[in-house]
Amino acid sequence: MKQNTDTLYTAVTGGTIAGVAYLFGGVDHLVIALAIFMACDYVTGIIAGFQTKSVNSKRALKGLGKKGAMLSLVIIANQLDIIAGSGNGFMRNSMIFFLIATEGISLVENLGKIGVDVPDFLKSRFEQIKNNKGE
């Protein structure tokens, strides 16, 4: 039986995924959690825009640009870990935790605009993070 594969497509796709994984310091649970938080924040932001009748393509594109900038911060933090020679990824992990907290705050705000009740313990945790960030 002859198997038909597109070698160029496979090489480009595999190379791209490997390159992205290298830049982010691997695809672990933190990177996956950040991606999930970013996607949920973006989707709830669009839904909140429809609810308040303030959705437009420029704001949505600006939001995607911010997400791209956040991902570049993770890449920079990972490269700083490599330069510093720390094998534990402290700066990368700290940056990801910070971005997850930021996305969580925005997600809770979007859910409030939509009218979804957010549990008090979750609101209070993100409010603590928001208040500490302002100091």
N, C-alpha and C. Protein backbone atom coordinates (compact mmCIF):
# COMPACT_ATOMS: atom_id res chain seq x y z
N MET A 1 0.85 -1.17 0.00
CA MET A 1 0.00 0.00 0.00
C MET A 1 0.90 1.24 0.00
N LYS A 2 0.59 2.17 -0.87
CA LYS A 2 1.36 3.39 -0.99
C LYS A 2 0.75 4.48 -0.11
N GLN A 3 1.60 5.11 0.68
CA GLN A 3 1.13 6.17 1.56
C GLN A 3 1.49 7.51 0.94
N ASN A 4 0.53 8.39 0.82
CA ASN A 4 0.74 9.69 0.20
C ASN A 4 0.88 10.74 1.29
N THR A 5 2.06 11.33 1.40
CA THR A 5 2.27 12.40 2.37
C THR A 5 2.87 13.60 1.66
N ASP A 6 2.57 14.75 2.16
CA ASP A 6 3.14 15.98 1.63
C ASP A 6 4.34 16.33 2.52
N THR A 7 5.50 16.01 2.02
CA THR A 7 6.72 16.17 2.82
C THR A 7 6.99 17.63 3.16
N LEU A 8 6.77 18.52 2.22
CA LEU A 8 7.02 19.94 2.47
C LEU A 8 6.09 20.46 3.57
N TYR A 9 4.81 20.13 3.48
CA TYR A 9 3.85 20.57 4.50
C TYR A 9 4.24 20.03 5.86
N THR A 10 4.60 18.75 5.92
CA THR A 10 4.99 18.13 7.19
C THR A 10 6.24 18.79 7.76
N ALA A 11 7.22 19.07 6.92
CA ALA A 11 8.46 19.69 7.38
C ALA A 11 8.21 21.11 7.88
N VAL A 12 7.41 21.88 7.15
CA VAL A 12 7.14 23.27 7.55
C VAL A 12 6.33 23.30 8.84
N THR A 13 5.31 22.46 8.92
CA THR A 13 4.47 22.43 10.12
C THR A 13 5.28 21.98 11.34
N GLY A 14 6.02 20.89 11.17
CA GLY A 14 6.83 20.39 12.28
C GLY A 14 7.90 21.37 12.72
N GLY A 15 8.53 22.02 11.74
CA GLY A 15 9.56 23.02 12.06
C GLY A 15 8.99 24.22 12.77
N THR A 16 7.82 24.66 12.34
CA THR A 16 7.17 25.81 12.97
C THR A 16 6.79 25.49 14.42
N ILE A 17 6.20 24.33 14.62
CA ILE A 17 5.80 23.93 15.98
C ILE A 17 7.02 23.78 16.88
N ALA A 18 8.08 23.19 16.35
CA ALA A 18 9.31 23.03 17.14
C ALA A 18 9.92 24.39 17.47
N GLY A 19 9.90 25.31 16.51
CA GLY A 19 10.44 26.64 16.75
C GLY A 19 9.65 27.40 17.81
N VAL A 20 8.33 27.32 17.73
CA VAL A 20 7.47 27.99 18.72
C VAL A 20 7.69 27.38 20.10
N ALA A 21 7.79 26.05 20.16
CA ALA A 21 8.02 25.38 21.44
C ALA A 21 9.36 25.81 22.04
N TYR A 22 10.38 25.95 21.20
CA TYR A 22 11.68 26.41 21.69
C TYR A 22 11.58 27.83 22.23
N LEU A 23 10.93 28.72 21.48
CA LEU A 23 10.83 30.12 21.90
C LEU A 23 10.10 30.27 23.23
N PHE A 24 9.07 29.45 23.45
CA PHE A 24 8.30 29.53 24.69
C PHE A 24 8.91 28.70 25.81
N GLY A 25 10.01 28.03 25.56
CA GLY A 25 10.63 27.21 26.59
C GLY A 25 9.89 25.89 26.79
N GLY A 26 9.23 25.43 25.75
CA GLY A 26 8.48 24.19 25.83
C GLY A 26 6.99 24.49 25.99
N VAL A 27 6.21 23.50 25.65
CA VAL A 27 4.76 23.64 25.79
C VAL A 27 4.35 22.79 26.98
N ASP A 28 4.28 23.42 28.14
CA ASP A 28 3.90 22.72 29.36
C ASP A 28 2.54 23.22 29.83
N HIS A 29 2.17 22.83 31.02
CA HIS A 29 0.84 23.20 31.53
C HIS A 29 0.69 24.70 31.70
N LEU A 30 1.76 25.41 32.03
CA LEU A 30 1.65 26.86 32.18
C LEU A 30 1.34 27.55 30.85
N VAL A 31 2.02 27.14 29.81
CA VAL A 31 1.79 27.75 28.49
C VAL A 31 0.37 27.43 28.01
N ILE A 32 -0.06 26.19 28.24
CA ILE A 32 -1.41 25.81 27.85
C ILE A 32 -2.45 26.61 28.64
N ALA A 33 -2.22 26.77 29.95
CA ALA A 33 -3.15 27.55 30.77
C ALA A 33 -3.20 29.00 30.29
N LEU A 34 -2.04 29.57 29.97
CA LEU A 34 -2.02 30.95 29.46
C LEU A 34 -2.81 31.05 28.16
N ALA A 35 -2.63 30.09 27.26
CA ALA A 35 -3.36 30.11 25.99
C ALA A 35 -4.87 30.01 26.23
N ILE A 36 -5.27 29.18 27.17
CA ILE A 36 -6.70 29.03 27.48
C ILE A 36 -7.25 30.32 28.07
N PHE A 37 -6.52 30.93 29.00
CA PHE A 37 -6.97 32.19 29.59
C PHE A 37 -7.08 33.28 28.53
N MET A 38 -6.09 33.33 27.62
CA MET A 38 -6.10 34.35 26.58
C MET A 38 -7.29 34.16 25.64
N ALA A 39 -7.54 32.92 25.25
CA ALA A 39 -8.67 32.64 24.35
C ALA A 39 -10.00 32.96 25.02
N CYS A 40 -10.15 32.55 26.27
CA CYS A 40 -11.40 32.83 27.00
C CYS A 40 -11.61 34.32 27.18
N ASP A 41 -10.54 35.05 27.49
CA ASP A 41 -10.64 36.49 27.65
C ASP A 41 -11.05 37.15 26.34
N TYR A 42 -10.46 36.72 25.25
CA TYR A 42 -10.79 37.31 23.95
C TYR A 42 -12.24 37.05 23.58
N VAL A 43 -12.68 35.81 23.75
CA VAL A 43 -14.06 35.44 23.39
C VAL A 43 -15.05 36.18 24.29
N THR A 44 -14.80 36.20 25.60
CA THR A 44 -15.73 36.90 26.49
C THR A 44 -15.71 38.42 26.23
N GLY A 45 -14.57 38.95 25.81
CA GLY A 45 -14.51 40.37 25.45
C GLY A 45 -15.38 40.69 24.25
N ILE A 46 -15.37 39.79 23.27
CA ILE A 46 -16.23 40.00 22.09
C ILE A 46 -17.70 39.87 22.48
N ILE A 47 -18.01 38.86 23.31
CA ILE A 47 -19.39 38.69 23.75
C ILE A 47 -19.84 39.91 24.56
N ALA A 48 -18.98 40.40 25.44
CA ALA A 48 -19.31 41.60 26.23
C ALA A 48 -19.52 42.80 25.31
N GLY A 49 -18.73 42.88 24.24
CA GLY A 49 -18.91 43.96 23.27
C GLY A 49 -20.26 43.90 22.59
N PHE A 50 -20.71 42.67 22.26
CA PHE A 50 -22.03 42.53 21.68
C PHE A 50 -23.12 42.89 22.69
N GLN A 51 -22.92 42.51 23.95
CA GLN A 51 -23.91 42.82 24.99
C GLN A 51 -24.07 44.33 25.18
N THR A 52 -22.95 45.03 25.17
CA THR A 52 -22.99 46.48 25.40
C THR A 52 -23.08 47.26 24.09
N LYS A 53 -23.17 46.53 22.99
CA LYS A 53 -23.27 47.12 21.65
C LYS A 53 -22.09 48.05 21.35
N SER A 54 -20.91 47.63 21.78
CA SER A 54 -19.71 48.43 21.54
C SER A 54 -18.61 47.63 20.85
N VAL A 55 -18.99 46.55 20.17
CA VAL A 55 -17.99 45.73 19.50
C VAL A 55 -17.62 46.37 18.16
N ASN A 56 -16.32 46.39 17.87
CA ASN A 56 -15.88 46.82 16.54
C ASN A 56 -14.57 46.13 16.21
N SER A 57 -14.26 46.09 14.94
CA SER A 57 -13.11 45.32 14.48
C SER A 57 -11.79 45.93 14.93
N LYS A 58 -11.72 47.25 15.06
CA LYS A 58 -10.47 47.88 15.50
C LYS A 58 -10.13 47.49 16.93
N ARG A 59 -11.14 47.47 17.79
CA ARG A 59 -10.90 47.06 19.19
C ARG A 59 -10.50 45.60 19.26
N ALA A 60 -11.16 44.77 18.44
CA ALA A 60 -10.83 43.34 18.44
C ALA A 60 -9.40 43.12 17.95
N LEU A 61 -9.00 43.85 16.91
CA LEU A 61 -7.64 43.73 16.40
C LEU A 61 -6.62 44.24 17.42
N LYS A 62 -6.98 45.31 18.11
CA LYS A 62 -6.11 45.84 19.16
C LYS A 62 -5.94 44.81 20.27
N GLY A 63 -7.02 44.09 20.61
CA GLY A 63 -6.95 43.03 21.61
C GLY A 63 -6.03 41.90 21.18
N LEU A 64 -6.11 41.53 19.91
CA LEU A 64 -5.20 40.49 19.40
C LEU A 64 -3.75 40.97 19.43
N GLY A 65 -3.55 42.25 19.14
CA GLY A 65 -2.19 42.80 19.22
C GLY A 65 -1.64 42.73 20.63
N LYS A 66 -2.49 43.01 21.61
CA LYS A 66 -2.06 42.92 23.01
C LYS A 66 -1.70 41.48 23.38
N LYS A 67 -2.48 40.54 22.88
CA LYS A 67 -2.18 39.12 23.15
C LYS A 67 -0.83 38.75 22.54
N GLY A 68 -0.56 39.24 21.34
CA GLY A 68 0.73 38.99 20.71
C GLY A 68 1.88 39.59 21.50
N ALA A 69 1.66 40.80 22.03
CA ALA A 69 2.69 41.44 22.86
C ALA A 69 2.93 40.64 24.14
N MET A 70 1.85 40.10 24.72
CA MET A 70 2.01 39.28 25.92
C MET A 70 2.83 38.03 25.62
N LEU A 71 2.56 37.41 24.49
CA LEU A 71 3.33 36.22 24.12
C LEU A 71 4.79 36.57 23.88
N SER A 72 5.05 37.76 23.34
CA SER A 72 6.45 38.16 23.15
C SER A 72 7.15 38.36 24.49
N LEU A 73 6.41 38.79 25.51
CA LEU A 73 7.00 38.91 26.84
C LEU A 73 7.43 37.54 27.38
N VAL A 74 6.65 36.51 27.10
CA VAL A 74 7.02 35.16 27.53
C VAL A 74 8.29 34.72 26.80
N ILE A 75 8.37 35.01 25.50
CA ILE A 75 9.56 34.65 24.72
C ILE A 75 10.78 35.37 25.28
N ILE A 76 10.64 36.66 25.58
CA ILE A 76 11.76 37.43 26.13
C ILE A 76 12.18 36.87 27.48
N ALA A 77 11.22 36.56 28.34
CA ALA A 77 11.55 36.01 29.66
C ALA A 77 12.26 34.67 29.53
N ASN A 78 11.83 33.84 28.59
CA ASN A 78 12.49 32.56 28.36
C ASN A 78 13.92 32.77 27.88
N GLN A 79 14.12 33.72 26.99
CA GLN A 79 15.47 33.99 26.50
C GLN A 79 16.36 34.54 27.62
N LEU A 80 15.79 35.34 28.50
CA LEU A 80 16.56 35.82 29.66
C LEU A 80 16.97 34.67 30.56
N ASP A 81 16.09 33.68 30.73
CA ASP A 81 16.45 32.49 31.50
C ASP A 81 17.61 31.75 30.84
N ILE A 82 17.57 31.65 29.53
CA ILE A 82 18.65 30.96 28.82
C ILE A 82 19.96 31.72 28.98
N ILE A 83 19.91 33.04 28.84
CA ILE A 83 21.12 33.85 28.97
C ILE A 83 21.68 33.77 30.39
N ALA A 84 20.78 33.81 31.39
CA ALA A 84 21.22 33.77 32.78
C ALA A 84 21.72 32.39 33.19
N GLY A 85 21.39 31.38 32.40
CA GLY A 85 21.85 30.04 32.70
C GLY A 85 21.05 29.34 33.77
N SER A 86 19.89 29.89 34.10
CA SER A 86 19.07 29.23 35.11
C SER A 86 18.24 28.15 34.41
N GLY A 87 18.42 26.94 34.82
CA GLY A 87 17.74 25.83 34.19
C GLY A 87 16.32 25.64 34.66
N ASN A 88 15.90 26.42 35.65
CA ASN A 88 14.57 26.19 36.22
C ASN A 88 13.48 27.05 35.58
N GLY A 89 13.81 28.00 34.71
CA GLY A 89 12.81 28.81 34.03
C GLY A 89 12.07 29.77 34.93
N PHE A 90 12.75 30.32 35.93
CA PHE A 90 12.10 31.19 36.90
C PHE A 90 11.45 32.41 36.25
N MET A 91 12.20 33.12 35.41
CA MET A 91 11.67 34.35 34.80
C MET A 91 10.49 34.04 33.87
N ARG A 92 10.61 32.98 33.10
CA ARG A 92 9.53 32.57 32.19
C ARG A 92 8.27 32.23 32.98
N ASN A 93 8.43 31.41 34.01
CA ASN A 93 7.27 31.00 34.80
C ASN A 93 6.65 32.19 35.52
N SER A 94 7.48 33.09 36.04
CA SER A 94 6.95 34.29 36.71
C SER A 94 6.17 35.15 35.74
N MET A 95 6.68 35.31 34.54
CA MET A 95 5.98 36.11 33.52
C MET A 95 4.64 35.47 33.16
N ILE A 96 4.64 34.15 33.01
CA ILE A 96 3.39 33.46 32.66
C ILE A 96 2.38 33.60 33.79
N PHE A 97 2.82 33.44 35.05
CA PHE A 97 1.89 33.61 36.18
C PHE A 97 1.32 35.03 36.20
N PHE A 98 2.15 36.02 35.96
CA PHE A 98 1.69 37.41 35.92
C PHE A 98 0.66 37.60 34.82
N LEU A 99 0.92 37.06 33.64
CA LEU A 99 -0.01 37.22 32.52
C LEU A 99 -1.31 36.46 32.75
N ILE A 100 -1.23 35.30 33.38
CA ILE A 100 -2.46 34.56 33.71
C ILE A 100 -3.30 35.38 34.68
N ALA A 101 -2.66 36.01 35.66
CA ALA A 101 -3.40 36.85 36.61
C ALA A 101 -4.04 38.03 35.90
N THR A 102 -3.31 38.66 35.00
CA THR A 102 -3.85 39.79 34.24
C THR A 102 -5.04 39.36 33.39
N GLU A 103 -4.90 38.23 32.72
CA GLU A 103 -6.00 37.72 31.90
C GLU A 103 -7.19 37.33 32.77
N GLY A 104 -6.92 36.80 33.96
CA GLY A 104 -8.00 36.43 34.87
C GLY A 104 -8.80 37.63 35.32
N ILE A 105 -8.12 38.73 35.61
CA ILE A 105 -8.80 39.97 35.99
C ILE A 105 -9.70 40.43 34.86
N SER A 106 -9.16 40.45 33.66
CA SER A 106 -9.94 40.88 32.50
C SER A 106 -11.11 39.94 32.24
N LEU A 107 -10.90 38.65 32.43
CA LEU A 107 -11.95 37.66 32.23
C LEU A 107 -13.10 37.87 33.21
N VAL A 108 -12.77 38.11 34.48
CA VAL A 108 -13.80 38.35 35.49
C VAL A 108 -14.57 39.63 35.16
N GLU A 109 -13.86 40.67 34.71
CA GLU A 109 -14.53 41.91 34.32
C GLU A 109 -15.48 41.67 33.14
N ASN A 110 -15.01 40.90 32.14
CA ASN A 110 -15.86 40.61 30.98
C ASN A 110 -17.10 39.81 31.39
N LEU A 111 -16.90 38.84 32.27
CA LEU A 111 -18.05 38.04 32.73
C LEU A 111 -19.05 38.91 33.47
N GLY A 112 -18.56 39.89 34.23
CA GLY A 112 -19.46 40.81 34.91
C GLY A 112 -20.25 41.65 33.93
N LYS A 113 -19.61 42.09 32.83
CA LYS A 113 -20.32 42.86 31.81
C LYS A 113 -21.39 42.03 31.12
N ILE A 114 -21.11 40.74 30.96
CA ILE A 114 -22.06 39.85 30.30
C ILE A 114 -23.25 39.55 31.22
N GLY A 115 -23.01 39.60 32.54
CA GLY A 115 -24.07 39.32 33.50
C GLY A 115 -23.94 37.95 34.13
N VAL A 116 -22.76 37.33 34.00
CA VAL A 116 -22.52 36.02 34.61
C VAL A 116 -22.06 36.24 36.05
N ASP A 117 -22.67 35.52 36.96
CA ASP A 117 -22.25 35.61 38.36
C ASP A 117 -20.93 34.85 38.54
N VAL A 118 -19.95 35.56 39.08
CA VAL A 118 -18.65 34.97 39.36
C VAL A 118 -18.59 34.69 40.85
N PRO A 119 -18.12 33.49 41.25
CA PRO A 119 -18.05 33.18 42.68
C PRO A 119 -17.22 34.22 43.44
N ASP A 120 -17.66 34.51 44.66
CA ASP A 120 -17.00 35.55 45.46
C ASP A 120 -15.54 35.26 45.73
N PHE A 121 -15.20 33.97 45.96
CA PHE A 121 -13.80 33.67 46.26
C PHE A 121 -12.92 33.97 45.05
N LEU A 122 -13.46 33.78 43.85
CA LEU A 122 -12.70 34.06 42.64
C LEU A 122 -12.56 35.57 42.43
N LYS A 123 -13.65 36.29 42.64
CA LYS A 123 -13.61 37.75 42.52
C LYS A 123 -12.61 38.34 43.50
N SER A 124 -12.66 37.86 44.75
CA SER A 124 -11.79 38.44 45.77
C SER A 124 -10.32 38.16 45.48
N ARG A 125 -10.00 36.98 44.95
CA ARG A 125 -8.60 36.67 44.62
C ARG A 125 -8.09 37.58 43.52
N PHE A 126 -8.90 37.76 42.48
CA PHE A 126 -8.46 38.61 41.39
C PHE A 126 -8.46 40.08 41.80
N GLU A 127 -9.35 40.48 42.69
CA GLU A 127 -9.34 41.85 43.21
C GLU A 127 -8.07 42.11 44.02
N GLN A 128 -7.63 41.10 44.81
CA GLN A 128 -6.39 41.24 45.56
C GLN A 128 -5.22 41.43 44.61
N ILE A 129 -5.19 40.65 43.53
CA ILE A 129 -4.12 40.77 42.55
C ILE A 129 -4.16 42.16 41.90
N LYS A 130 -5.36 42.61 41.55
CA LYS A 130 -5.52 43.92 40.91
C LYS A 130 -5.07 45.02 41.83
N ASN A 131 -5.44 44.95 43.11
CA ASN A 131 -5.04 45.98 44.07
C ASN A 131 -3.54 45.96 44.32
N ASN A 132 -2.93 44.79 44.40
CA ASN A 132 -1.49 44.71 44.60
C ASN A 132 -0.73 45.18 43.38
N LYS A 133 -1.29 45.01 42.20
CA LYS A 133 -0.63 45.43 40.97
C LYS A 133 -0.55 46.95 40.92
N GLY A 134 -1.52 47.64 41.48
CA GLY A 134 -1.54 49.09 41.44
C GLY A 134 -0.56 49.73 42.41
N GLU A 135 -0.02 48.97 43.35
CA GLU A 135 0.88 49.55 44.36
C GLU A 135 2.27 49.74 43.83
